[in-house]
Amino acid sequence: MRPILNISMWVALTLLCSSCASITEKPVTSTQLLELTNISDANVTAEITKKEQESIKAEMSKDKVWFEKNLGDELVSTGPNGHPGTKARWIAHLMDPAEKFISQEIENMKVMTYGYTAVATYKWIQKQDKKGPDAVETIQYTDVWVKRNGDWQMVATHGSFVSDSK
């Protein structure tokens, strides 16, 4: 019985020491991690620009599935009216049959990358039929995207009306 106990103690001590050794190794820096995963600013900019363009198509066609997939469950949004929102609230608003978009476009897109996080800023111009004459709105947006499981999800968005708009 004693030899088995000694062997068990030796195995436990070996595992403990190897765990301690791995704790003292230098952590991987974000730059090293990015090099390992081959993320580049140009690739991220292209991917986020594509997502933002896809969002126009999804909004125009009322593609609920696109928004369910591409908006993070914890989405925090502030609309140009200043009201806070959630993923569910945003999707419900976009699916509202009274929301009729005639056209939408993005101008002056800029994407800043921070590893698996990206911030997109742009001007959003939409022409909308709001129970009356067509309305053109120009909104400056800032969107925060996070890469999860190989795909980008929007986790925060804020829009403000541009002064030459409503």
Protein backbone atom coordinates (compact mmCIF):
# COMPACT_ATOMS: atom_id res chain seq x y z
CA MET A 1 0.00 0.00 0.00
CA ARG A 2 2.86 2.34 0.86
CA PRO A 3 4.50 2.16 -2.64
CA ILE A 4 1.18 3.08 -4.30
CA LEU A 5 0.81 6.05 -1.95
CA ASN A 6 4.37 7.16 -2.74
CA ILE A 7 3.76 6.90 -6.48
CA SER A 8 0.50 8.86 -6.15
CA MET A 9 2.28 11.59 -4.20
CA TRP A 10 5.07 11.72 -6.79
CA VAL A 11 2.52 12.06 -9.66
CA ALA A 12 0.62 14.79 -7.80
CA LEU A 13 3.83 16.70 -7.04
CA THR A 14 4.98 16.41 -10.67
CA LEU A 15 1.65 17.77 -11.94
CA LEU A 16 1.76 20.62 -9.42
CA CYS A 17 5.29 21.60 -10.43
CA SER A 18 4.50 21.49 -14.14
CA SER A 19 1.45 23.70 -13.52
CA CYS A 20 3.61 26.20 -11.63
CA ALA A 21 6.15 26.24 -14.45
CA SER A 22 3.48 27.10 -17.00
CA ILE A 23 2.21 29.95 -14.82
CA THR A 24 5.64 31.59 -14.81
CA GLU A 25 5.92 31.58 -18.63
CA LYS A 26 5.49 34.98 -20.28
CA PRO A 27 1.93 35.60 -21.49
CA VAL A 28 1.32 35.94 -25.22
CA THR A 29 1.01 39.60 -26.22
CA SER A 30 -1.89 40.82 -28.35
CA THR A 31 0.56 41.49 -31.20
CA GLN A 32 1.81 37.90 -31.06
CA LEU A 33 -1.75 36.62 -30.92
CA LEU A 34 -2.69 38.66 -33.99
CA GLU A 35 0.36 37.35 -35.83
CA LEU A 36 -0.64 33.79 -34.93
CA THR A 37 -4.20 34.29 -36.15
CA ASN A 38 -3.22 36.32 -39.24
CA ILE A 39 -5.62 39.19 -38.60
CA SER A 40 -4.76 42.34 -40.49
CA ASP A 41 -6.34 45.77 -40.40
CA ALA A 42 -7.08 45.51 -44.14
CA ASN A 43 -8.89 42.18 -43.71
CA VAL A 44 -10.92 43.45 -40.76
CA THR A 45 -11.82 46.67 -42.60
CA ALA A 46 -13.04 44.64 -45.58
CA GLU A 47 -15.04 42.26 -43.37
CA ILE A 48 -16.69 45.04 -41.33
CA THR A 49 -17.44 47.11 -44.45
CA LYS A 50 -19.10 44.03 -45.95
CA LYS A 51 -21.16 43.50 -42.75
CA GLU A 52 -22.31 47.12 -42.78
CA GLN A 53 -23.31 46.85 -46.47
CA GLU A 54 -25.12 43.58 -45.73
CA SER A 55 -27.03 45.37 -42.97
CA ILE A 56 -28.47 47.76 -45.59
CA LYS A 57 -29.73 44.85 -47.68
CA ALA A 58 -31.09 43.13 -44.57
CA GLU A 59 -32.90 46.26 -43.45
CA MET A 60 -34.35 46.95 -46.90
CA SER A 61 -35.60 43.35 -47.22
CA LYS A 62 -36.56 43.02 -43.52
CA ASP A 63 -34.25 40.01 -43.14
CA LYS A 64 -34.81 39.12 -39.49
CA VAL A 65 -32.48 36.10 -39.67
CA TRP A 66 -29.53 38.31 -40.68
CA PHE A 67 -30.05 40.56 -37.65
CA GLU A 68 -30.53 37.64 -35.25
CA LYS A 69 -27.21 36.20 -36.40
CA ASN A 70 -25.16 39.41 -36.68
CA LEU A 71 -26.29 41.35 -33.60
CA GLY A 72 -24.85 40.21 -30.27
CA ASP A 73 -27.43 39.14 -27.71
CA GLU A 74 -26.09 41.83 -25.35
CA LEU A 75 -26.40 44.60 -28.00
CA VAL A 76 -26.55 48.09 -26.52
CA SER A 77 -27.94 50.67 -28.90
CA THR A 78 -28.75 54.34 -28.73
CA GLY A 79 -30.82 55.62 -31.62
CA PRO A 80 -30.61 59.11 -33.08
CA ASN A 81 -33.62 60.04 -30.94
CA GLY A 82 -31.53 59.27 -27.84
CA HIS A 83 -33.57 56.25 -26.77
CA PRO A 84 -31.66 53.18 -25.57
CA GLY A 85 -32.41 49.84 -27.14
CA THR A 86 -31.68 46.13 -27.13
CA LYS A 87 -31.31 43.50 -29.82
CA ALA A 88 -34.96 42.43 -29.49
CA ARG A 89 -36.20 46.02 -29.58
CA TRP A 90 -34.08 46.87 -32.62
CA ILE A 91 -35.25 43.82 -34.56
CA ALA A 92 -38.89 44.53 -33.67
CA HIS A 93 -38.48 48.11 -34.94
CA LEU A 94 -36.91 46.97 -38.21
CA MET A 95 -39.62 44.35 -38.78
CA ASP A 96 -42.42 46.89 -38.21
CA PRO A 97 -44.43 47.04 -41.47
CA ALA A 98 -44.83 50.80 -40.96
CA GLU A 99 -41.05 51.20 -41.40
CA LYS A 100 -40.69 51.49 -45.16
CA PHE A 101 -37.28 52.30 -46.57
CA ILE A 102 -36.96 53.67 -50.07
CA SER A 103 -33.16 53.82 -50.10
CA GLN A 104 -30.18 53.64 -47.77
CA GLU A 105 -26.49 54.27 -48.28
CA ILE A 106 -23.30 54.56 -46.29
CA GLU A 107 -20.70 57.30 -46.77
CA ASN A 108 -17.29 57.98 -45.23
CA MET A 109 -16.82 54.54 -43.66
CA LYS A 110 -13.81 54.30 -41.36
CA VAL A 111 -12.88 51.13 -39.48
CA MET A 112 -10.42 51.00 -36.59
CA THR A 113 -9.27 47.57 -35.48
CA TYR A 114 -8.25 46.34 -32.06
CA GLY A 115 -7.61 42.64 -32.51
CA TYR A 116 -10.96 40.90 -32.28
CA THR A 117 -12.78 44.21 -31.82
CA ALA A 118 -13.51 46.78 -34.52
CA VAL A 119 -15.11 50.22 -34.41
CA ALA A 120 -16.85 51.48 -37.53
CA THR A 121 -17.90 55.10 -38.04
CA TYR A 122 -19.89 56.29 -41.02
CA LYS A 123 -22.65 58.55 -42.28
CA TRP A 124 -25.95 56.73 -42.95
CA ILE A 125 -28.34 58.37 -45.40
CA GLN A 126 -31.80 56.90 -45.66
CA LYS A 127 -34.89 57.86 -47.51
CA GLN A 128 -37.94 56.59 -45.70
CA ASP A 129 -41.69 56.67 -46.24
CA LYS A 130 -43.04 57.66 -42.82
CA LYS A 131 -46.82 57.67 -43.18
CA GLY A 132 -46.64 60.74 -45.36
CA PRO A 133 -44.08 62.47 -47.49
CA ASP A 134 -40.71 60.82 -47.95
CA ALA A 135 -38.15 61.79 -45.35
CA VAL A 136 -34.41 61.87 -45.83
CA GLU A 137 -32.39 61.35 -42.67
CA THR A 138 -28.64 61.65 -42.29
CA ILE A 139 -27.26 59.92 -39.22
CA GLN A 140 -23.67 59.60 -38.00
CA TYR A 141 -23.15 56.11 -36.58
CA THR A 142 -20.52 54.42 -34.45
CA ASP A 143 -20.76 50.63 -34.33
CA VAL A 144 -18.67 48.24 -32.24
CA TRP A 145 -18.09 44.75 -33.65
CA VAL A 146 -16.54 41.73 -31.89
CA LYS A 147 -15.28 38.59 -33.63
CA ARG A 148 -16.81 35.46 -32.12
CA ASN A 149 -16.56 31.90 -33.36
CA GLY A 150 -15.03 33.13 -36.61
CA ASP A 151 -17.69 35.74 -37.42
CA TRP A 152 -18.30 39.39 -36.53
CA GLN A 153 -21.23 40.51 -34.33
CA MET A 154 -22.29 44.06 -33.56
CA VAL A 155 -22.41 44.57 -29.79
CA ALA A 156 -22.94 48.34 -29.57
CA THR A 157 -24.22 51.10 -31.83
CA HIS A 158 -24.91 54.79 -31.43
CA GLY A 159 -26.45 57.14 -33.96
CA SER A 160 -26.83 60.93 -33.93
CA PHE A 161 -28.72 63.03 -36.44
CA VAL A 162 -26.39 65.16 -38.54
CA SER A 163 -27.24 68.89 -38.21
CA ASP A 164 -28.45 69.24 -41.82
CA SER A 165 -31.01 66.51 -41.07
CA LYS A 166 -33.81 66.17 -38.54
